[in-house]
Amino acid sequence: VKYIYMPALRPAIMSAVQLAVGMG
């Protein structure tokens, strides 16, 4: 999770935060 999944998910998490907070 730490060395494979987390780095792979970083762009998805950052873009989701930006979109979701505004929509929320």
mmCIF file of all heavy atoms, coordinates in Angstrom:
data_MODEL
# 
_entry.id   MODEL 
# 
loop_
_atom_site.group_PDB 
_atom_site.id 
_atom_site.type_symbol 
_atom_site.label_atom_id 
_atom_site.label_alt_id 
_atom_site.label_comp_id 
_atom_site.label_asym_id 
_atom_site.label_entity_id 
_atom_site.label_seq_id 
_atom_site.pdbx_PDB_ins_code 
_atom_site.Cartn_x 
_atom_site.Cartn_y 
_atom_site.Cartn_z 
_atom_site.occupancy 
_atom_site.B_iso_or_equiv 
_atom_site.pdbx_formal_charge 
_atom_site.auth_seq_id 
_atom_site.auth_comp_id 
_atom_site.auth_asym_id 
_atom_site.auth_atom_id 
_atom_site.pdbx_PDB_model_num 
ATOM 1   N N   . VAL A 1 1  ? 0.830   -1.198 0.000   1.00 0.00 ? 1  VAL A N   1 
ATOM 2   C CA  . VAL A 1 1  ? 0.000   0.000  0.000   1.00 0.00 ? 1  VAL A CA  1 
ATOM 3   C C   . VAL A 1 1  ? 0.868   1.254  0.000   1.00 0.00 ? 1  VAL A C   1 
ATOM 4   O O   . VAL A 1 1  ? 0.627   2.205  -0.759  1.00 0.00 ? 1  VAL A O   1 
ATOM 5   C CB  . VAL A 1 1  ? -0.946  0.007  1.225   1.00 0.00 ? 1  VAL A CB  1 
ATOM 6   C CG1 . VAL A 1 1  ? -1.636  1.365  1.373   1.00 0.00 ? 1  VAL A CG1 1 
ATOM 7   C CG2 . VAL A 1 1  ? -1.985  -1.092 1.105   1.00 0.00 ? 1  VAL A CG2 1 
ATOM 8   N N   . LYS A 1 2  ? 1.901   1.260  0.847   1.00 0.00 ? 2  LYS A N   1 
ATOM 9   C CA  . LYS A 1 2  ? 2.752   2.442  1.020   1.00 0.00 ? 2  LYS A CA  1 
ATOM 10  C C   . LYS A 1 2  ? 3.591   2.757  -0.211  1.00 0.00 ? 2  LYS A C   1 
ATOM 11  O O   . LYS A 1 2  ? 3.712   3.928  -0.606  1.00 0.00 ? 2  LYS A O   1 
ATOM 12  C CB  . LYS A 1 2  ? 3.659   2.246  2.238   1.00 0.00 ? 2  LYS A CB  1 
ATOM 13  C CG  . LYS A 1 2  ? 4.531   3.456  2.548   1.00 0.00 ? 2  LYS A CG  1 
ATOM 14  C CD  . LYS A 1 2  ? 5.359   3.220  3.804   1.00 0.00 ? 2  LYS A CD  1 
ATOM 15  C CE  . LYS A 1 2  ? 6.230   4.445  4.115   1.00 0.00 ? 2  LYS A CE  1 
ATOM 16  N NZ  . LYS A 1 2  ? 7.048   4.244  5.335   1.00 0.00 ? 2  LYS A NZ  1 
ATOM 17  N N   . TYR A 1 3  ? 4.183   1.728  -0.818  1.00 0.00 ? 3  TYR A N   1 
ATOM 18  C CA  . TYR A 1 3  ? 5.161   1.967  -1.882  1.00 0.00 ? 3  TYR A CA  1 
ATOM 19  C C   . TYR A 1 3  ? 4.617   1.796  -3.293  1.00 0.00 ? 3  TYR A C   1 
ATOM 20  O O   . TYR A 1 3  ? 5.258   2.218  -4.249  1.00 0.00 ? 3  TYR A O   1 
ATOM 21  C CB  . TYR A 1 3  ? 6.370   1.043  -1.688  1.00 0.00 ? 3  TYR A CB  1 
ATOM 22  C CG  . TYR A 1 3  ? 7.121   1.317  -0.404  1.00 0.00 ? 3  TYR A CG  1 
ATOM 23  C CD1 . TYR A 1 3  ? 7.104   0.383  0.639   1.00 0.00 ? 3  TYR A CD1 1 
ATOM 24  C CD2 . TYR A 1 3  ? 7.818   2.500  -0.225  1.00 0.00 ? 3  TYR A CD2 1 
ATOM 25  C CE1 . TYR A 1 3  ? 7.785   0.632  1.821   1.00 0.00 ? 3  TYR A CE1 1 
ATOM 26  C CE2 . TYR A 1 3  ? 8.505   2.757  0.954   1.00 0.00 ? 3  TYR A CE2 1 
ATOM 27  C CZ  . TYR A 1 3  ? 8.481   1.820  1.977   1.00 0.00 ? 3  TYR A CZ  1 
ATOM 28  O OH  . TYR A 1 3  ? 9.152   2.077  3.148   1.00 0.00 ? 3  TYR A OH  1 
ATOM 29  N N   . ILE A 1 4  ? 3.436   1.195  -3.435  1.00 0.00 ? 4  ILE A N   1 
ATOM 30  C CA  . ILE A 1 4  ? 2.892   0.980  -4.781  1.00 0.00 ? 4  ILE A CA  1 
ATOM 31  C C   . ILE A 1 4  ? 1.570   1.731  -4.964  1.00 0.00 ? 4  ILE A C   1 
ATOM 32  O O   . ILE A 1 4  ? 1.436   2.563  -5.860  1.00 0.00 ? 4  ILE A O   1 
ATOM 33  C CB  . ILE A 1 4  ? 2.692   -0.522 -5.069  1.00 0.00 ? 4  ILE A CB  1 
ATOM 34  C CG1 . ILE A 1 4  ? 4.042   -1.256 -5.031  1.00 0.00 ? 4  ILE A CG1 1 
ATOM 35  C CG2 . ILE A 1 4  ? 2.035   -0.720 -6.439  1.00 0.00 ? 4  ILE A CG2 1 
ATOM 36  C CD1 . ILE A 1 4  ? 3.957   -2.750 -5.235  1.00 0.00 ? 4  ILE A CD1 1 
ATOM 37  N N   . TYR A 1 5  ? 0.608   1.435  -4.085  1.00 0.00 ? 5  TYR A N   1 
ATOM 38  C CA  . TYR A 1 5  ? -0.718  2.021  -4.272  1.00 0.00 ? 5  TYR A CA  1 
ATOM 39  C C   . TYR A 1 5  ? -0.762  3.516  -3.951  1.00 0.00 ? 5  TYR A C   1 
ATOM 40  O O   . TYR A 1 5  ? -1.375  4.297  -4.696  1.00 0.00 ? 5  TYR A O   1 
ATOM 41  C CB  . TYR A 1 5  ? -1.752  1.281  -3.417  1.00 0.00 ? 5  TYR A CB  1 
ATOM 42  C CG  . TYR A 1 5  ? -2.136  -0.065 -3.979  1.00 0.00 ? 5  TYR A CG  1 
ATOM 43  C CD1 . TYR A 1 5  ? -1.766  -1.248 -3.351  1.00 0.00 ? 5  TYR A CD1 1 
ATOM 44  C CD2 . TYR A 1 5  ? -2.880  -0.157 -5.152  1.00 0.00 ? 5  TYR A CD2 1 
ATOM 45  C CE1 . TYR A 1 5  ? -2.111  -2.491 -3.871  1.00 0.00 ? 5  TYR A CE1 1 
ATOM 46  C CE2 . TYR A 1 5  ? -3.244  -1.398 -5.682  1.00 0.00 ? 5  TYR A CE2 1 
ATOM 47  C CZ  . TYR A 1 5  ? -2.851  -2.550 -5.030  1.00 0.00 ? 5  TYR A CZ  1 
ATOM 48  O OH  . TYR A 1 5  ? -3.202  -3.767 -5.550  1.00 0.00 ? 5  TYR A OH  1 
ATOM 49  N N   . MET A 1 6  ? -0.148  3.924  -2.860  1.00 0.00 ? 6  MET A N   1 
ATOM 50  C CA  . MET A 1 6  ? -0.205  5.332  -2.464  1.00 0.00 ? 6  MET A CA  1 
ATOM 51  C C   . MET A 1 6  ? 0.387   6.275  -3.515  1.00 0.00 ? 6  MET A C   1 
ATOM 52  O O   . MET A 1 6  ? -0.251  7.272  -3.875  1.00 0.00 ? 6  MET A O   1 
ATOM 53  C CB  . MET A 1 6  ? 0.472   5.529  -1.107  1.00 0.00 ? 6  MET A CB  1 
ATOM 54  C CG  . MET A 1 6  ? -0.315  4.947  0.065   1.00 0.00 ? 6  MET A CG  1 
ATOM 55  S SD  . MET A 1 6  ? -1.930  5.728  0.305   1.00 0.00 ? 6  MET A SD  1 
ATOM 56  C CE  . MET A 1 6  ? -1.425  7.323  0.921   1.00 0.00 ? 6  MET A CE  1 
ATOM 57  N N   . PRO A 1 7  ? 1.586   5.997  -4.033  1.00 0.00 ? 7  PRO A N   1 
ATOM 58  C CA  . PRO A 1 7  ? 2.114   6.873  -5.103  1.00 0.00 ? 7  PRO A CA  1 
ATOM 59  C C   . PRO A 1 7  ? 1.231   6.882  -6.345  1.00 0.00 ? 7  PRO A C   1 
ATOM 60  O O   . PRO A 1 7  ? 1.071   7.913  -6.999  1.00 0.00 ? 7  PRO A O   1 
ATOM 61  C CB  . PRO A 1 7  ? 3.489   6.268  -5.402  1.00 0.00 ? 7  PRO A CB  1 
ATOM 62  C CG  . PRO A 1 7  ? 3.874   5.555  -4.147  1.00 0.00 ? 7  PRO A CG  1 
ATOM 63  C CD  . PRO A 1 7  ? 2.590   4.996  -3.608  1.00 0.00 ? 7  PRO A CD  1 
ATOM 64  N N   . ALA A 1 8  ? 0.656   5.709  -6.678  1.00 0.00 ? 8  ALA A N   1 
ATOM 65  C CA  . ALA A 1 8  ? -0.199  5.625  -7.869  1.00 0.00 ? 8  ALA A CA  1 
ATOM 66  C C   . ALA A 1 8  ? -1.489  6.416  -7.694  1.00 0.00 ? 8  ALA A C   1 
ATOM 67  O O   . ALA A 1 8  ? -2.044  6.956  -8.658  1.00 0.00 ? 8  ALA A O   1 
ATOM 68  C CB  . ALA A 1 8  ? -0.520  4.163  -8.177  1.00 0.00 ? 8  ALA A CB  1 
ATOM 69  N N   . LEU A 1 9  ? -1.971  6.504  -6.460  1.00 0.00 ? 9  LEU A N   1 
ATOM 70  C CA  . LEU A 1 9  ? -3.246  7.179  -6.188  1.00 0.00 ? 9  LEU A CA  1 
ATOM 71  C C   . LEU A 1 9  ? -3.099  8.680  -5.944  1.00 0.00 ? 9  LEU A C   1 
ATOM 72  O O   . LEU A 1 9  ? -4.100  9.384  -5.871  1.00 0.00 ? 9  LEU A O   1 
ATOM 73  C CB  . LEU A 1 9  ? -3.920  6.547  -4.968  1.00 0.00 ? 9  LEU A CB  1 
ATOM 74  C CG  . LEU A 1 9  ? -4.480  5.138  -5.146  1.00 0.00 ? 9  LEU A CG  1 
ATOM 75  C CD1 . LEU A 1 9  ? -4.986  4.600  -3.814  1.00 0.00 ? 9  LEU A CD1 1 
ATOM 76  C CD2 . LEU A 1 9  ? -5.600  5.131  -6.173  1.00 0.00 ? 9  LEU A CD2 1 
ATOM 77  N N   . ARG A 1 10 ? -1.880  9.160  -5.831  1.00 0.00 ? 10 ARG A N   1 
ATOM 78  C CA  . ARG A 1 10 ? -1.673  10.571 -5.486  1.00 0.00 ? 10 ARG A CA  1 
ATOM 79  C C   . ARG A 1 10 ? -2.383  11.542 -6.441  1.00 0.00 ? 10 ARG A C   1 
ATOM 80  O O   . ARG A 1 10 ? -3.118  12.430 -5.986  1.00 0.00 ? 10 ARG A O   1 
ATOM 81  C CB  . ARG A 1 10 ? -0.180  10.882 -5.429  1.00 0.00 ? 10 ARG A CB  1 
ATOM 82  C CG  . ARG A 1 10 ? 0.100   12.329 -5.031  1.00 0.00 ? 10 ARG A CG  1 
ATOM 83  C CD  . ARG A 1 10 ? 1.561   12.547 -4.758  1.00 0.00 ? 10 ARG A CD  1 
ATOM 84  N NE  . ARG A 1 10 ? 1.778   13.899 -4.256  1.00 0.00 ? 10 ARG A NE  1 
ATOM 85  C CZ  . ARG A 1 10 ? 2.763   14.251 -3.484  1.00 0.00 ? 10 ARG A CZ  1 
ATOM 86  N NH1 . ARG A 1 10 ? 3.642   13.343 -3.092  1.00 0.00 ? 10 ARG A NH1 1 
ATOM 87  N NH2 . ARG A 1 10 ? 2.914   15.499 -3.080  1.00 0.00 ? 10 ARG A NH2 1 
ATOM 88  N N   . PRO A 1 11 ? -2.222  11.430 -7.763  1.00 0.00 ? 11 PRO A N   1 
ATOM 89  C CA  . PRO A 1 11 ? -2.926  12.362 -8.654  1.00 0.00 ? 11 PRO A CA  1 
ATOM 90  C C   . PRO A 1 11 ? -4.443  12.270 -8.511  1.00 0.00 ? 11 PRO A C   1 
ATOM 91  O O   . PRO A 1 11 ? -5.143  13.295 -8.554  1.00 0.00 ? 11 PRO A O   1 
ATOM 92  C CB  . PRO A 1 11 ? -2.473  11.925 -10.058 1.00 0.00 ? 11 PRO A CB  1 
ATOM 93  C CG  . PRO A 1 11 ? -1.207  11.177 -9.844  1.00 0.00 ? 11 PRO A CG  1 
ATOM 94  C CD  . PRO A 1 11 ? -1.360  10.504 -8.531  1.00 0.00 ? 11 PRO A CD  1 
ATOM 95  N N   . ALA A 1 12 ? -4.961  11.044 -8.332  1.00 0.00 ? 12 ALA A N   1 
ATOM 96  C CA  . ALA A 1 12 ? -6.410  10.852 -8.191  1.00 0.00 ? 12 ALA A CA  1 
ATOM 97  C C   . ALA A 1 12 ? -6.922  11.519 -6.917  1.00 0.00 ? 12 ALA A C   1 
ATOM 98  O O   . ALA A 1 12 ? -7.983  12.163 -6.916  1.00 0.00 ? 12 ALA A O   1 
ATOM 99  C CB  . ALA A 1 12 ? -6.742  9.366  -8.176  1.00 0.00 ? 12 ALA A CB  1 
ATOM 100 N N   . ILE A 1 13 ? -6.174  11.385 -5.823  1.00 0.00 ? 13 ILE A N   1 
ATOM 101 C CA  . ILE A 1 13 ? -6.586  11.970 -4.547  1.00 0.00 ? 13 ILE A CA  1 
ATOM 102 C C   . ILE A 1 13 ? -6.580  13.489 -4.624  1.00 0.00 ? 13 ILE A C   1 
ATOM 103 O O   . ILE A 1 13 ? -7.537  14.154 -4.205  1.00 0.00 ? 13 ILE A O   1 
ATOM 104 C CB  . ILE A 1 13 ? -5.667  11.481 -3.409  1.00 0.00 ? 13 ILE A CB  1 
ATOM 105 C CG1 . ILE A 1 13 ? -5.915  9.992  -3.127  1.00 0.00 ? 13 ILE A CG1 1 
ATOM 106 C CG2 . ILE A 1 13 ? -5.894  12.293 -2.136  1.00 0.00 ? 13 ILE A CG2 1 
ATOM 107 C CD1 . ILE A 1 13 ? -4.952  9.379  -2.133  1.00 0.00 ? 13 ILE A CD1 1 
ATOM 108 N N   . MET A 1 14 ? -5.523  14.058 -5.191  1.00 0.00 ? 14 MET A N   1 
ATOM 109 C CA  . MET A 1 14 ? -5.412  15.515 -5.255  1.00 0.00 ? 14 MET A CA  1 
ATOM 110 C C   . MET A 1 14 ? -6.497  16.127 -6.143  1.00 0.00 ? 14 MET A C   1 
ATOM 111 O O   . MET A 1 14 ? -7.094  17.155 -5.800  1.00 0.00 ? 14 MET A O   1 
ATOM 112 C CB  . MET A 1 14 ? -4.023  15.914 -5.753  1.00 0.00 ? 14 MET A CB  1 
ATOM 113 C CG  . MET A 1 14 ? -2.875  15.449 -4.873  1.00 0.00 ? 14 MET A CG  1 
ATOM 114 S SD  . MET A 1 14 ? -2.984  15.999 -3.159  1.00 0.00 ? 14 MET A SD  1 
ATOM 115 C CE  . MET A 1 14 ? -2.653  17.748 -3.326  1.00 0.00 ? 14 MET A CE  1 
ATOM 116 N N   . SER A 1 15 ? -6.767  15.509 -7.284  1.00 0.00 ? 15 SER A N   1 
ATOM 117 C CA  . SER A 1 15 ? -7.807  16.040 -8.173  1.00 0.00 ? 15 SER A CA  1 
ATOM 118 C C   . SER A 1 15 ? -9.193  15.849 -7.569  1.00 0.00 ? 15 SER A C   1 
ATOM 119 O O   . SER A 1 15 ? -10.075 16.707 -7.724  1.00 0.00 ? 15 SER A O   1 
ATOM 120 C CB  . SER A 1 15 ? -7.731  15.363 -9.546  1.00 0.00 ? 15 SER A CB  1 
ATOM 121 O OG  . SER A 1 15 ? -7.940  13.969 -9.438  1.00 0.00 ? 15 SER A OG  1 
ATOM 122 N N   . ALA A 1 16 ? -9.407  14.725 -6.871  1.00 0.00 ? 16 ALA A N   1 
ATOM 123 C CA  . ALA A 1 16 ? -10.699 14.475 -6.226  1.00 0.00 ? 16 ALA A CA  1 
ATOM 124 C C   . ALA A 1 16 ? -10.959 15.502 -5.132  1.00 0.00 ? 16 ALA A C   1 
ATOM 125 O O   . ALA A 1 16 ? -12.089 15.992 -4.984  1.00 0.00 ? 16 ALA A O   1 
ATOM 126 C CB  . ALA A 1 16 ? -10.734 13.067 -5.642  1.00 0.00 ? 16 ALA A CB  1 
ATOM 127 N N   . VAL A 1 17 ? -9.928  15.844 -4.369  1.00 0.00 ? 17 VAL A N   1 
ATOM 128 C CA  . VAL A 1 17 ? -10.074 16.852 -3.308  1.00 0.00 ? 17 VAL A CA  1 
ATOM 129 C C   . VAL A 1 17 ? -10.487 18.189 -3.903  1.00 0.00 ? 17 VAL A C   1 
ATOM 130 O O   . VAL A 1 17 ? -11.421 18.841 -3.427  1.00 0.00 ? 17 VAL A O   1 
ATOM 131 C CB  . VAL A 1 17 ? -8.760  16.999 -2.513  1.00 0.00 ? 17 VAL A CB  1 
ATOM 132 C CG1 . VAL A 1 17 ? -8.774  18.274 -1.675  1.00 0.00 ? 17 VAL A CG1 1 
ATOM 133 C CG2 . VAL A 1 17 ? -8.538  15.790 -1.621  1.00 0.00 ? 17 VAL A CG2 1 
ATOM 134 N N   . GLN A 1 18 ? -9.808  18.602 -4.966  1.00 0.00 ? 18 GLN A N   1 
ATOM 135 C CA  . GLN A 1 18 ? -10.103 19.891 -5.583  1.00 0.00 ? 18 GLN A CA  1 
ATOM 136 C C   . GLN A 1 18 ? -11.541 19.958 -6.098  1.00 0.00 ? 18 GLN A C   1 
ATOM 137 O O   . GLN A 1 18 ? -12.242 20.951 -5.880  1.00 0.00 ? 18 GLN A O   1 
ATOM 138 C CB  . GLN A 1 18 ? -9.136  20.156 -6.728  1.00 0.00 ? 18 GLN A CB  1 
ATOM 139 C CG  . GLN A 1 18 ? -9.315  21.533 -7.358  1.00 0.00 ? 18 GLN A CG  1 
ATOM 140 C CD  . GLN A 1 18 ? -8.374  21.765 -8.510  1.00 0.00 ? 18 GLN A CD  1 
ATOM 141 O OE1 . GLN A 1 18 ? -8.024  20.844 -9.224  1.00 0.00 ? 18 GLN A OE1 1 
ATOM 142 N NE2 . GLN A 1 18 ? -7.960  23.010 -8.697  1.00 0.00 ? 18 GLN A NE2 1 
ATOM 143 N N   . LEU A 1 19 ? -11.992 18.907 -6.761  1.00 0.00 ? 19 LEU A N   1 
ATOM 144 C CA  . LEU A 1 19 ? -13.337 18.885 -7.324  1.00 0.00 ? 19 LEU A CA  1 
ATOM 145 C C   . LEU A 1 19 ? -14.398 18.708 -6.247  1.00 0.00 ? 19 LEU A C   1 
ATOM 146 O O   . LEU A 1 19 ? -15.420 19.408 -6.234  1.00 0.00 ? 19 LEU A O   1 
ATOM 147 C CB  . LEU A 1 19 ? -13.441 17.763 -8.360  1.00 0.00 ? 19 LEU A CB  1 
ATOM 148 C CG  . LEU A 1 19 ? -14.805 17.573 -9.046  1.00 0.00 ? 19 LEU A CG  1 
ATOM 149 C CD1 . LEU A 1 19 ? -15.198 18.841 -9.793  1.00 0.00 ? 19 LEU A CD1 1 
ATOM 150 C CD2 . LEU A 1 19 ? -14.767 16.381 -9.990  1.00 0.00 ? 19 LEU A CD2 1 
ATOM 151 N N   . ALA A 1 20 ? -14.155 17.787 -5.311  1.00 0.00 ? 20 ALA A N   1 
ATOM 152 C CA  . ALA A 1 20 ? -15.172 17.439 -4.321  1.00 0.00 ? 20 ALA A CA  1 
ATOM 153 C C   . ALA A 1 20 ? -15.445 18.574 -3.341  1.00 0.00 ? 20 ALA A C   1 
ATOM 154 O O   . ALA A 1 20 ? -16.608 18.799 -2.962  1.00 0.00 ? 20 ALA A O   1 
ATOM 155 C CB  . ALA A 1 20 ? -14.747 16.184 -3.556  1.00 0.00 ? 20 ALA A CB  1 
ATOM 156 N N   . VAL A 1 21 ? -14.422 19.297 -2.917  1.00 0.00 ? 21 VAL A N   1 
ATOM 157 C CA  . VAL A 1 21 ? -14.633 20.373 -1.948  1.00 0.00 ? 21 VAL A CA  1 
ATOM 158 C C   . VAL A 1 21 ? -15.515 21.469 -2.544  1.00 0.00 ? 21 VAL A C   1 
ATOM 159 O O   . VAL A 1 21 ? -16.464 21.942 -1.906  1.00 0.00 ? 21 VAL A O   1 
ATOM 160 C CB  . VAL A 1 21 ? -13.285 20.954 -1.472  1.00 0.00 ? 21 VAL A CB  1 
ATOM 161 C CG1 . VAL A 1 21 ? -13.519 22.186 -0.603  1.00 0.00 ? 21 VAL A CG1 1 
ATOM 162 C CG2 . VAL A 1 21 ? -12.502 19.907 -0.681  1.00 0.00 ? 21 VAL A CG2 1 
ATOM 163 N N   . GLY A 1 22 ? -15.224 21.859 -3.783  1.00 0.00 ? 22 GLY A N   1 
ATOM 164 C CA  . GLY A 1 22 ? -16.052 22.872 -4.444  1.00 0.00 ? 22 GLY A CA  1 
ATOM 165 C C   . GLY A 1 22 ? -17.480 22.406 -4.626  1.00 0.00 ? 22 GLY A C   1 
ATOM 166 O O   . GLY A 1 22 ? -18.433 23.149 -4.341  1.00 0.00 ? 22 GLY A O   1 
ATOM 167 N N   . MET A 1 23 ? -17.656 21.170 -5.087  1.00 0.00 ? 23 MET A N   1 
ATOM 168 C CA  . MET A 1 23 ? -18.995 20.618 -5.287  1.00 0.00 ? 23 MET A CA  1 
ATOM 169 C C   . MET A 1 23 ? -19.729 20.470 -3.958  1.00 0.00 ? 23 MET A C   1 
ATOM 170 O O   . MET A 1 23 ? -20.943 20.701 -3.859  1.00 0.00 ? 23 MET A O   1 
ATOM 171 C CB  . MET A 1 23 ? -18.898 19.263 -5.986  1.00 0.00 ? 23 MET A CB  1 
ATOM 172 C CG  . MET A 1 23 ? -18.453 19.329 -7.437  1.00 0.00 ? 23 MET A CG  1 
ATOM 173 S SD  . MET A 1 23 ? -19.673 20.151 -8.487  1.00 0.00 ? 23 MET A SD  1 
ATOM 174 C CE  . MET A 1 23 ? -21.024 18.981 -8.402  1.00 0.00 ? 23 MET A CE  1 
ATOM 175 N N   . GLY A 1 24 ? -18.996 20.057 -2.925  1.00 0.00 ? 24 GLY A N   1 
ATOM 176 C CA  . GLY A 1 24 ? -19.609 19.886 -1.611  1.00 0.00 ? 24 GLY A CA  1 
ATOM 177 C C   . GLY A 1 24 ? -20.150 21.191 -1.059  1.00 0.00 ? 24 GLY A C   1 
ATOM 178 O O   . GLY A 1 24 ? -21.262 21.237 -0.515  1.00 0.00 ? 24 GLY A O   1 
# 
